[in-house]
Amino acid sequence: MPVRCGDQGDTEGHQERGDDAVARHQGAEQYVGFAKSVNARFLAERSSQSGEGPSSHTLRGMTSTLLMTLERGTLRMGYRTVDFASAVRGLLVKPLLDRGVSPSHVDAIVESVLKREEVGSTSSGPIALPHARISGIPEIIAGLGVNATGIYGDNPARVMLAFVSPMEATAEHLRFLSTSAKTFRDRTFLERVQTATTTDELRELLRATAG
C-alpha cells in the first residue's frame, strides 16, 4: 500500500510513515528468508535416511502446540481432493468462517496461501505444510487432512497441515512452521497419524503424544 501524507504536507509524519514502510519491507524480507530456510531444513531432514527425529520429550511439547491449534481448526480423515488448491481450501474455509472471517476475505486468504506456495514448495514426500501470514485474523488458524493413499492426484502428500497466521505475528508464525515440520519428521508419529481412521482417533493420538 503506498505511503500517503496529510493534505498539508506534514513532512515529519511522512518520514515516520516512510520509515514504517521500510521496516515492514525489511521485516517481510526477513520473513521470506527465514521461511525459506525452514522449508529447506524440512526438505533436507525429510530426505535424510539417517535422521532419528525429535526426542519423545521434545515431541510431546511440539505436539501440544499443534494440538491446541487444531482443537479449534479442522481435522479431516480420508481426505481426498482433485488438486492442491482444493485441498488447501477444504482445510481452511470452515475454521476461518467459524472465526467470523467474511467469505470474500476467506477467498483472499486461500489465494494468499497459494501465492506463497509459488515462492517455494512446502511439500516434501508425504508431508505438505502450505501457509501464509494474513491480516484480519485473530490467531493462527489451521486444518489437518490425512489420507494414507494420497490427498490429491498423483502427488505423494499423505498429510497436509494448512495454516495462516496474523500478519503481525511473524515470530509465532515461524515458530509454528518450524514446530510442525519437526513434529512430522518423527517417522513413528507420522505413521500413526496415517493409520488413524477417525477424527476422534486422531485427536486421541495428538493428546496422548502431547501428554
C-alpha atoms as a PDB file:
ATOM      1  CA  MET A   1       0.000   0.000   0.000  1.00  0.00           C
ATOM      2  CA  PRO A   2       1.504   3.394  -0.930  1.00  0.00           C
ATOM      3  CA  VAL A   3       2.522   5.734   1.871  1.00  0.00           C
ATOM      4  CA  ARG A   4       0.244   8.790   1.971  1.00  0.00           C
ATOM      5  CA  CYS A   5       0.930  12.108   3.683  1.00  0.00           C
ATOM      6  CA  GLY A   6      -1.502  14.676   5.035  1.00  0.00           C
ATOM      7  CA  ASP A   7      -3.143  17.289   2.896  1.00  0.00           C
ATOM      8  CA  GLN A   8      -0.903  19.985   4.382  1.00  0.00           C
ATOM      9  CA  GLY A   9       2.318  18.124   3.666  1.00  0.00           C
ATOM     10  CA  ASP A  10       3.410  17.132   7.169  1.00  0.00           C
ATOM     11  CA  THR A  11       6.990  16.176   6.358  1.00  0.00           C
ATOM     12  CA  GLU A  12       7.650  14.648   9.744  1.00  0.00           C
ATOM     13  CA  GLY A  13       4.606  12.363   9.531  1.00  0.00           C
ATOM     14  CA  HIS A  14       5.595  11.389   6.001  1.00  0.00           C
ATOM     15  CA  GLN A  15       9.057  10.462   7.194  1.00  0.00           C
ATOM     16  CA  GLU A  16       7.621   8.372  10.032  1.00  0.00           C
ATOM     17  CA  ARG A  17       5.282   6.551   7.696  1.00  0.00           C
ATOM     18  CA  GLY A  18       8.123   6.108   5.228  1.00  0.00           C
ATOM     19  CA  ASP A  19      10.239   4.572   7.992  1.00  0.00           C
ATOM     20  CA  ASP A  20       7.352   2.262   8.870  1.00  0.00           C
ATOM     21  CA  ALA A  21       7.108   1.160   5.246  1.00  0.00           C
ATOM     22  CA  VAL A  22      10.844   0.445   5.136  1.00  0.00           C
ATOM     23  CA  ALA A  23      10.595  -1.515   8.377  1.00  0.00           C
ATOM     24  CA  ARG A  24       7.700  -3.554   7.051  1.00  0.00           C
ATOM     25  CA  HIS A  25       9.614  -4.246   3.836  1.00  0.00           C
ATOM     26  CA  GLN A  26      12.689  -5.339   5.761  1.00  0.00           C
ATOM     27  CA  GLY A  27      10.525  -7.491   8.024  1.00  0.00           C
ATOM     28  CA  ALA A  28       8.923  -9.130   5.006  1.00  0.00           C
ATOM     29  CA  GLU A  29      12.333  -9.869   3.516  1.00  0.00           C
ATOM     30  CA  GLN A  30      13.489 -11.398   6.806  1.00  0.00           C
ATOM     31  CA  TYR A  31      10.304 -13.486   6.988  1.00  0.00           C
ATOM     32  CA  VAL A  32      10.694 -14.821   3.448  1.00  0.00           C
ATOM     33  CA  GLY A  33      14.352 -15.614   4.068  1.00  0.00           C
ATOM     34  CA  PHE A  34      13.640 -17.395   7.339  1.00  0.00           C
ATOM     35  CA  ALA A  35      10.657 -19.263   5.910  1.00  0.00           C
ATOM     36  CA  LYS A  36      12.779 -20.456   3.004  1.00  0.00           C
ATOM     37  CA  SER A  37      15.450 -21.666   5.424  1.00  0.00           C
ATOM     38  CA  VAL A  38      12.845 -23.555   7.469  1.00  0.00           C
ATOM     39  CA  ASN A  39      11.483 -25.130   4.296  1.00  0.00           C
ATOM     40  CA  ALA A  40      15.000 -26.058   3.196  1.00  0.00           C
ATOM     41  CA  ARG A  41      15.761 -27.703   6.532  1.00  0.00           C
ATOM     42  CA  PHE A  42      12.434 -29.517   6.405  1.00  0.00           C
ATOM     43  CA  LEU A  43      13.195 -30.869   2.931  1.00  0.00           C
ATOM     44  CA  ALA A  44      16.704 -31.894   3.938  1.00  0.00           C
ATOM     45  CA  GLU A  45      15.545 -33.618   7.099  1.00  0.00           C
ATOM     46  CA  ARG A  46      12.738 -35.466   5.338  1.00  0.00           C
ATOM     47  CA  SER A  47      15.109 -36.685   2.617  1.00  0.00           C
ATOM     48  CA  SER A  48      17.674 -37.891   5.128  1.00  0.00           C
ATOM     49  CA  GLN A  49      17.523 -41.624   5.729  1.00  0.00           C
ATOM     50  CA  SER A  50      19.506 -41.468   8.961  1.00  0.00           C
ATOM     51  CA  GLY A  51      17.522 -38.825  10.871  1.00  0.00           C
ATOM     52  CA  GLU A  52      16.122 -40.055  14.159  1.00  0.00           C
ATOM     53  CA  GLY A  53      13.576 -37.275  14.606  1.00  0.00           C
ATOM     54  CA  PRO A  54      12.972 -35.340  17.820  1.00  0.00           C
ATOM     55  CA  SER A  55      13.197 -36.950  21.250  1.00  0.00           C
ATOM     56  CA  SER A  56       9.963 -38.130  22.884  1.00  0.00           C
ATOM     57  CA  HIS A  57      10.128 -35.249  25.392  1.00  0.00           C
ATOM     58  CA  THR A  58      10.593 -32.677  22.632  1.00  0.00           C
ATOM     59  CA  LEU A  59       7.871 -34.301  20.530  1.00  0.00           C
ATOM     60  CA  ARG A  60       5.410 -34.003  23.431  1.00  0.00           C
ATOM     61  CA  GLY A  61       5.984 -30.259  23.659  1.00  0.00           C
ATOM     62  CA  MET A  62       5.713 -29.722  19.913  1.00  0.00           C
ATOM     63  CA  THR A  63       2.592 -31.870  19.568  1.00  0.00           C
ATOM     64  CA  SER A  64       0.967 -29.926  22.401  1.00  0.00           C
ATOM     65  CA  THR A  65       1.342 -26.704  20.406  1.00  0.00           C
ATOM     66  CA  LEU A  66      -0.085 -28.364  17.320  1.00  0.00           C
ATOM     67  CA  LEU A  67      -2.968 -29.874  19.289  1.00  0.00           C
ATOM     68  CA  MET A  68      -4.044 -26.556  20.811  1.00  0.00           C
ATOM     69  CA  THR A  69      -4.289 -25.012  17.357  1.00  0.00           C
ATOM     70  CA  LEU A  70      -6.044 -27.958  15.730  1.00  0.00           C
ATOM     71  CA  GLU A  71      -8.589 -28.252  18.563  1.00  0.00           C
ATOM     72  CA  ARG A  72     -10.066 -25.049  17.115  1.00  0.00           C
ATOM     73  CA  GLY A  73      -9.375 -25.968  13.497  1.00  0.00           C
ATOM     74  CA  THR A  74     -10.250 -28.711  11.029  1.00  0.00           C
ATOM     75  CA  LEU A  75      -9.377 -32.405  11.161  1.00  0.00           C
ATOM     76  CA  ARG A  76     -10.259 -34.488   8.113  1.00  0.00           C
ATOM     77  CA  MET A  77      -9.534 -38.183   7.736  1.00  0.00           C
ATOM     78  CA  GLY A  78      -9.615 -39.981   4.388  1.00  0.00           C
ATOM     79  CA  TYR A  79      -9.146 -36.522   2.910  1.00  0.00           C
ATOM     80  CA  ARG A  80      -9.159 -36.569  -0.893  1.00  0.00           C
ATOM     81  CA  THR A  81      -9.453 -33.658  -3.335  1.00  0.00           C
ATOM     82  CA  VAL A  82      -8.831 -33.024  -7.030  1.00  0.00           C
ATOM     83  CA  ASP A  83      -5.829 -30.713  -6.637  1.00  0.00           C
ATOM     84  CA  PHE A  84      -3.613 -28.736  -4.273  1.00  0.00           C
ATOM     85  CA  ALA A  85      -5.790 -25.605  -4.286  1.00  0.00           C
ATOM     86  CA  SER A  86      -8.903 -27.602  -3.407  1.00  0.00           C
ATOM     87  CA  ALA A  87      -7.030 -29.342  -0.607  1.00  0.00           C
ATOM     88  CA  VAL A  88      -5.953 -26.033   0.947  1.00  0.00           C
ATOM     89  CA  ARG A  89      -9.438 -24.563   0.612  1.00  0.00           C
ATOM     90  CA  GLY A  90     -11.085 -27.609   2.166  1.00  0.00           C
ATOM     91  CA  LEU A  91      -8.891 -27.336   5.265  1.00  0.00           C
ATOM     92  CA  LEU A  92      -9.073 -23.581   5.868  1.00  0.00           C
ATOM     93  CA  VAL A  93     -12.522 -22.357   4.828  1.00  0.00           C
ATOM     94  CA  LYS A  94     -14.555 -23.739   7.744  1.00  0.00           C
ATOM     95  CA  PRO A  95     -12.269 -22.665  10.619  1.00  0.00           C
ATOM     96  CA  LEU A  96     -11.906 -19.201   9.057  1.00  0.00           C
ATOM     97  CA  LEU A  97     -15.674 -18.798   8.732  1.00  0.00           C
ATOM     98  CA  ASP A  98     -16.069 -20.084  12.297  1.00  0.00           C
ATOM     99  CA  ARG A  99     -13.804 -17.224  13.454  1.00  0.00           C
ATOM    100  CA  GLY A 100     -16.107 -14.705  11.790  1.00  0.00           C
ATOM    101  CA  VAL A 101     -13.964 -14.060   8.714  1.00  0.00           C
ATOM    102  CA  SER A 102     -16.102 -12.865   5.795  1.00  0.00           C
ATOM    103  CA  PRO A 103     -16.478 -15.212   2.798  1.00  0.00           C
ATOM    104  CA  SER A 104     -14.762 -12.705   0.495  1.00  0.00           C
ATOM    105  CA  HIS A 105     -11.796 -12.447   2.843  1.00  0.00           C
ATOM    106  CA  VAL A 106     -11.653 -16.235   3.108  1.00  0.00           C
ATOM    107  CA  ASP A 107     -11.215 -16.393  -0.670  1.00  0.00           C
ATOM    108  CA  ALA A 108      -8.406 -13.821  -0.462  1.00  0.00           C
ATOM    109  CA  ILE A 109      -6.720 -15.789   2.320  1.00  0.00           C
ATOM    110  CA  VAL A 110      -6.748 -19.029   0.343  1.00  0.00           C
ATOM    111  CA  GLU A 111      -5.327 -17.175  -2.655  1.00  0.00           C
ATOM    112  CA  SER A 112      -2.522 -15.800  -0.467  1.00  0.00           C
ATOM    113  CA  VAL A 113      -1.601 -19.307   0.655  1.00  0.00           C
ATOM    114  CA  LEU A 114      -1.491 -20.462  -2.970  1.00  0.00           C
ATOM    115  CA  LYS A 115       0.685 -17.488  -3.970  1.00  0.00           C
ATOM    116  CA  ARG A 116       3.012 -18.203  -1.052  1.00  0.00           C
ATOM    117  CA  GLU A 117       3.404 -21.749  -2.394  1.00  0.00           C
ATOM    118  CA  GLU A 118       4.660 -20.274  -5.667  1.00  0.00           C
ATOM    119  CA  VAL A 119       7.585 -18.706  -3.784  1.00  0.00           C
ATOM    120  CA  GLY A 120       8.777 -22.134  -2.688  1.00  0.00           C
ATOM    121  CA  SER A 121       7.129 -25.509  -2.269  1.00  0.00           C
ATOM    122  CA  THR A 122       6.222 -26.509   1.279  1.00  0.00           C
ATOM    123  CA  SER A 123       5.778 -30.150   0.305  1.00  0.00           C
ATOM    124  CA  SER A 124       8.252 -32.963   0.769  1.00  0.00           C
ATOM    125  CA  GLY A 125       7.395 -36.622   0.368  1.00  0.00           C
ATOM    126  CA  PRO A 126       4.259 -37.426   2.357  1.00  0.00           C
ATOM    127  CA  ILE A 127       4.067 -34.036   4.110  1.00  0.00           C
ATOM    128  CA  ALA A 128       2.677 -30.699   2.881  1.00  0.00           C
ATOM    129  CA  LEU A 129       2.710 -27.533   5.026  1.00  0.00           C
ATOM    130  CA  PRO A 130       1.079 -24.731   2.988  1.00  0.00           C
ATOM    131  CA  HIS A 131       0.946 -21.487   4.957  1.00  0.00           C
ATOM    132  CA  ALA A 132       0.850 -17.681   4.849  1.00  0.00           C
ATOM    133  CA  ARG A 133       0.632 -14.611   7.089  1.00  0.00           C
ATOM    134  CA  ILE A 134      -2.629 -12.709   6.700  1.00  0.00           C
ATOM    135  CA  SER A 135      -4.189  -9.518   8.022  1.00  0.00           C
ATOM    136  CA  GLY A 136      -7.588  -9.585   9.671  1.00  0.00           C
ATOM    137  CA  ILE A 137      -7.408 -12.851  11.633  1.00  0.00           C
ATOM    138  CA  PRO A 138      -7.106 -13.124  15.435  1.00  0.00           C
ATOM    139  CA  GLU A 139      -4.706 -16.063  15.789  1.00  0.00           C
ATOM    140  CA  ILE A 140      -3.109 -18.982  13.980  1.00  0.00           C
ATOM    141  CA  ILE A 141      -5.838 -20.963  12.214  1.00  0.00           C
ATOM    142  CA  ALA A 142      -5.143 -24.416  10.807  1.00  0.00           C
ATOM    143  CA  GLY A 143      -6.572 -27.537   9.259  1.00  0.00           C
ATOM    144  CA  LEU A 144      -5.090 -31.031   9.040  1.00  0.00           C
ATOM    145  CA  GLY A 145      -6.021 -33.505   6.317  1.00  0.00           C
ATOM    146  CA  VAL A 146      -4.845 -37.126   6.241  1.00  0.00           C
ATOM    147  CA  ASN A 147      -5.140 -39.856   3.632  1.00  0.00           C
ATOM    148  CA  ALA A 148      -2.701 -42.775   3.620  1.00  0.00           C
ATOM    149  CA  THR A 149      -3.303 -43.335  -0.102  1.00  0.00           C
ATOM    150  CA  GLY A 150      -2.748 -39.699  -1.135  1.00  0.00           C
ATOM    151  CA  ILE A 151      -4.628 -36.413  -0.780  1.00  0.00           C
ATOM    152  CA  TYR A 152      -4.772 -35.233  -4.393  1.00  0.00           C
ATOM    153  CA  GLY A 153      -3.820 -36.517  -7.834  1.00  0.00           C
ATOM    154  CA  ASP A 154      -0.587 -38.474  -8.061  1.00  0.00           C
ATOM    155  CA  ASN A 155       1.115 -36.247  -5.500  1.00  0.00           C
ATOM    156  CA  PRO A 156       2.813 -38.215  -2.698  1.00  0.00           C
ATOM    157  CA  ALA A 157       1.385 -35.974   0.063  1.00  0.00           C
ATOM    158  CA  ARG A 158      -0.400 -38.089   2.671  1.00  0.00           C
ATOM    159  CA  VAL A 159      -0.631 -35.476   5.425  1.00  0.00           C
ATOM    160  CA  MET A 160      -1.393 -31.802   4.810  1.00  0.00           C
ATOM    161  CA  LEU A 161      -1.294 -29.144   7.508  1.00  0.00           C
ATOM    162  CA  ALA A 162      -2.530 -25.817   6.102  1.00  0.00           C
ATOM    163  CA  PHE A 163      -2.355 -22.773   8.342  1.00  0.00           C
ATOM    164  CA  VAL A 164      -2.441 -18.991   8.360  1.00  0.00           C
ATOM    165  CA  SER A 165      -1.192 -16.545  10.984  1.00  0.00           C
ATOM    166  CA  PRO A 166      -1.855 -12.860  11.768  1.00  0.00           C
ATOM    167  CA  MET A 167       0.315 -10.591   9.646  1.00  0.00           C
ATOM    168  CA  GLU A 168       1.956  -9.034  12.700  1.00  0.00           C
ATOM    169  CA  ALA A 169       2.739 -12.400  14.337  1.00  0.00           C
ATOM    170  CA  THR A 170       5.924 -13.161  12.412  1.00  0.00           C
ATOM    171  CA  ALA A 171       7.735 -14.897  15.272  1.00  0.00           C
ATOM    172  CA  GLU A 172       4.725 -17.022  16.213  1.00  0.00           C
ATOM    173  CA  HIS A 173       4.179 -17.991  12.579  1.00  0.00           C
ATOM    174  CA  LEU A 174       7.754 -19.105  12.058  1.00  0.00           C
ATOM    175  CA  ARG A 175       7.781 -20.945  15.363  1.00  0.00           C
ATOM    176  CA  PHE A 176       4.616 -22.842  14.420  1.00  0.00           C
ATOM    177  CA  LEU A 177       6.040 -23.648  10.980  1.00  0.00           C
ATOM    178  CA  SER A 178       9.269 -24.947  12.467  1.00  0.00           C
ATOM    179  CA  THR A 179       7.421 -26.896  15.180  1.00  0.00           C
ATOM    180  CA  SER A 180       5.097 -28.531  12.657  1.00  0.00           C
ATOM    181  CA  ALA A 181       7.967 -29.535  10.357  1.00  0.00           C
ATOM    182  CA  LYS A 182       9.888 -31.085  13.254  1.00  0.00           C
ATOM    183  CA  THR A 183       6.812 -32.847  14.621  1.00  0.00           C
ATOM    184  CA  PHE A 184       6.040 -34.598  11.348  1.00  0.00           C
ATOM    185  CA  ARG A 185       9.682 -35.501  10.916  1.00  0.00           C
ATOM    186  CA  ASP A 186       9.140 -38.168  13.580  1.00  0.00           C
ATOM    187  CA  ARG A 187       8.520 -41.290  11.495  1.00  0.00           C
ATOM    188  CA  THR A 188       6.650 -43.225  14.177  1.00  0.00           C
ATOM    189  CA  PHE A 189       4.309 -40.312  14.810  1.00  0.00           C
ATOM    190  CA  LEU A 190       3.797 -39.799  11.076  1.00  0.00           C
ATOM    191  CA  GLU A 191       2.918 -43.460  10.564  1.00  0.00           C
ATOM    192  CA  ARG A 192       0.460 -43.425  13.469  1.00  0.00           C
ATOM    193  CA  VAL A 193      -1.224 -40.303  12.092  1.00  0.00           C
ATOM    194  CA  GLN A 194      -1.748 -42.056   8.768  1.00  0.00           C
ATOM    195  CA  THR A 195      -3.201 -45.171  10.360  1.00  0.00           C
ATOM    196  CA  ALA A 196      -5.839 -43.250  12.344  1.00  0.00           C
ATOM    197  CA  THR A 197      -9.268 -43.921  10.863  1.00  0.00           C
ATOM    198  CA  THR A 198     -11.458 -41.274  12.543  1.00  0.00           C
ATOM    199  CA  THR A 199     -11.028 -37.698  13.719  1.00  0.00           C
ATOM    200  CA  ASP A 200     -11.633 -38.839  17.306  1.00  0.00           C
ATOM    201  CA  GLU A 201      -8.809 -41.367  16.953  1.00  0.00           C
ATOM    202  CA  LEU A 202      -6.525 -38.676  15.571  1.00  0.00           C
ATOM    203  CA  ARG A 203      -7.391 -36.313  18.430  1.00  0.00           C
ATOM    204  CA  GLU A 204      -6.644 -39.055  20.943  1.00  0.00           C
ATOM    205  CA  LEU A 205      -3.302 -39.690  19.241  1.00  0.00           C
ATOM    206  CA  LEU A 206      -2.399 -35.997  19.421  1.00  0.00           C
ATOM    207  CA  ARG A 207      -3.495 -35.783  23.056  1.00  0.00           C
ATOM    208  CA  ALA A 208      -1.612 -38.926  24.034  1.00  0.00           C
ATOM    209  CA  THR A 209       1.561 -37.759  22.301  1.00  0.00           C
ATOM    210  CA  ALA A 210       1.239 -34.275  23.813  1.00  0.00           C
ATOM    211  CA  GLY A 211       0.572 -35.677  27.293  1.00  0.00           C
END
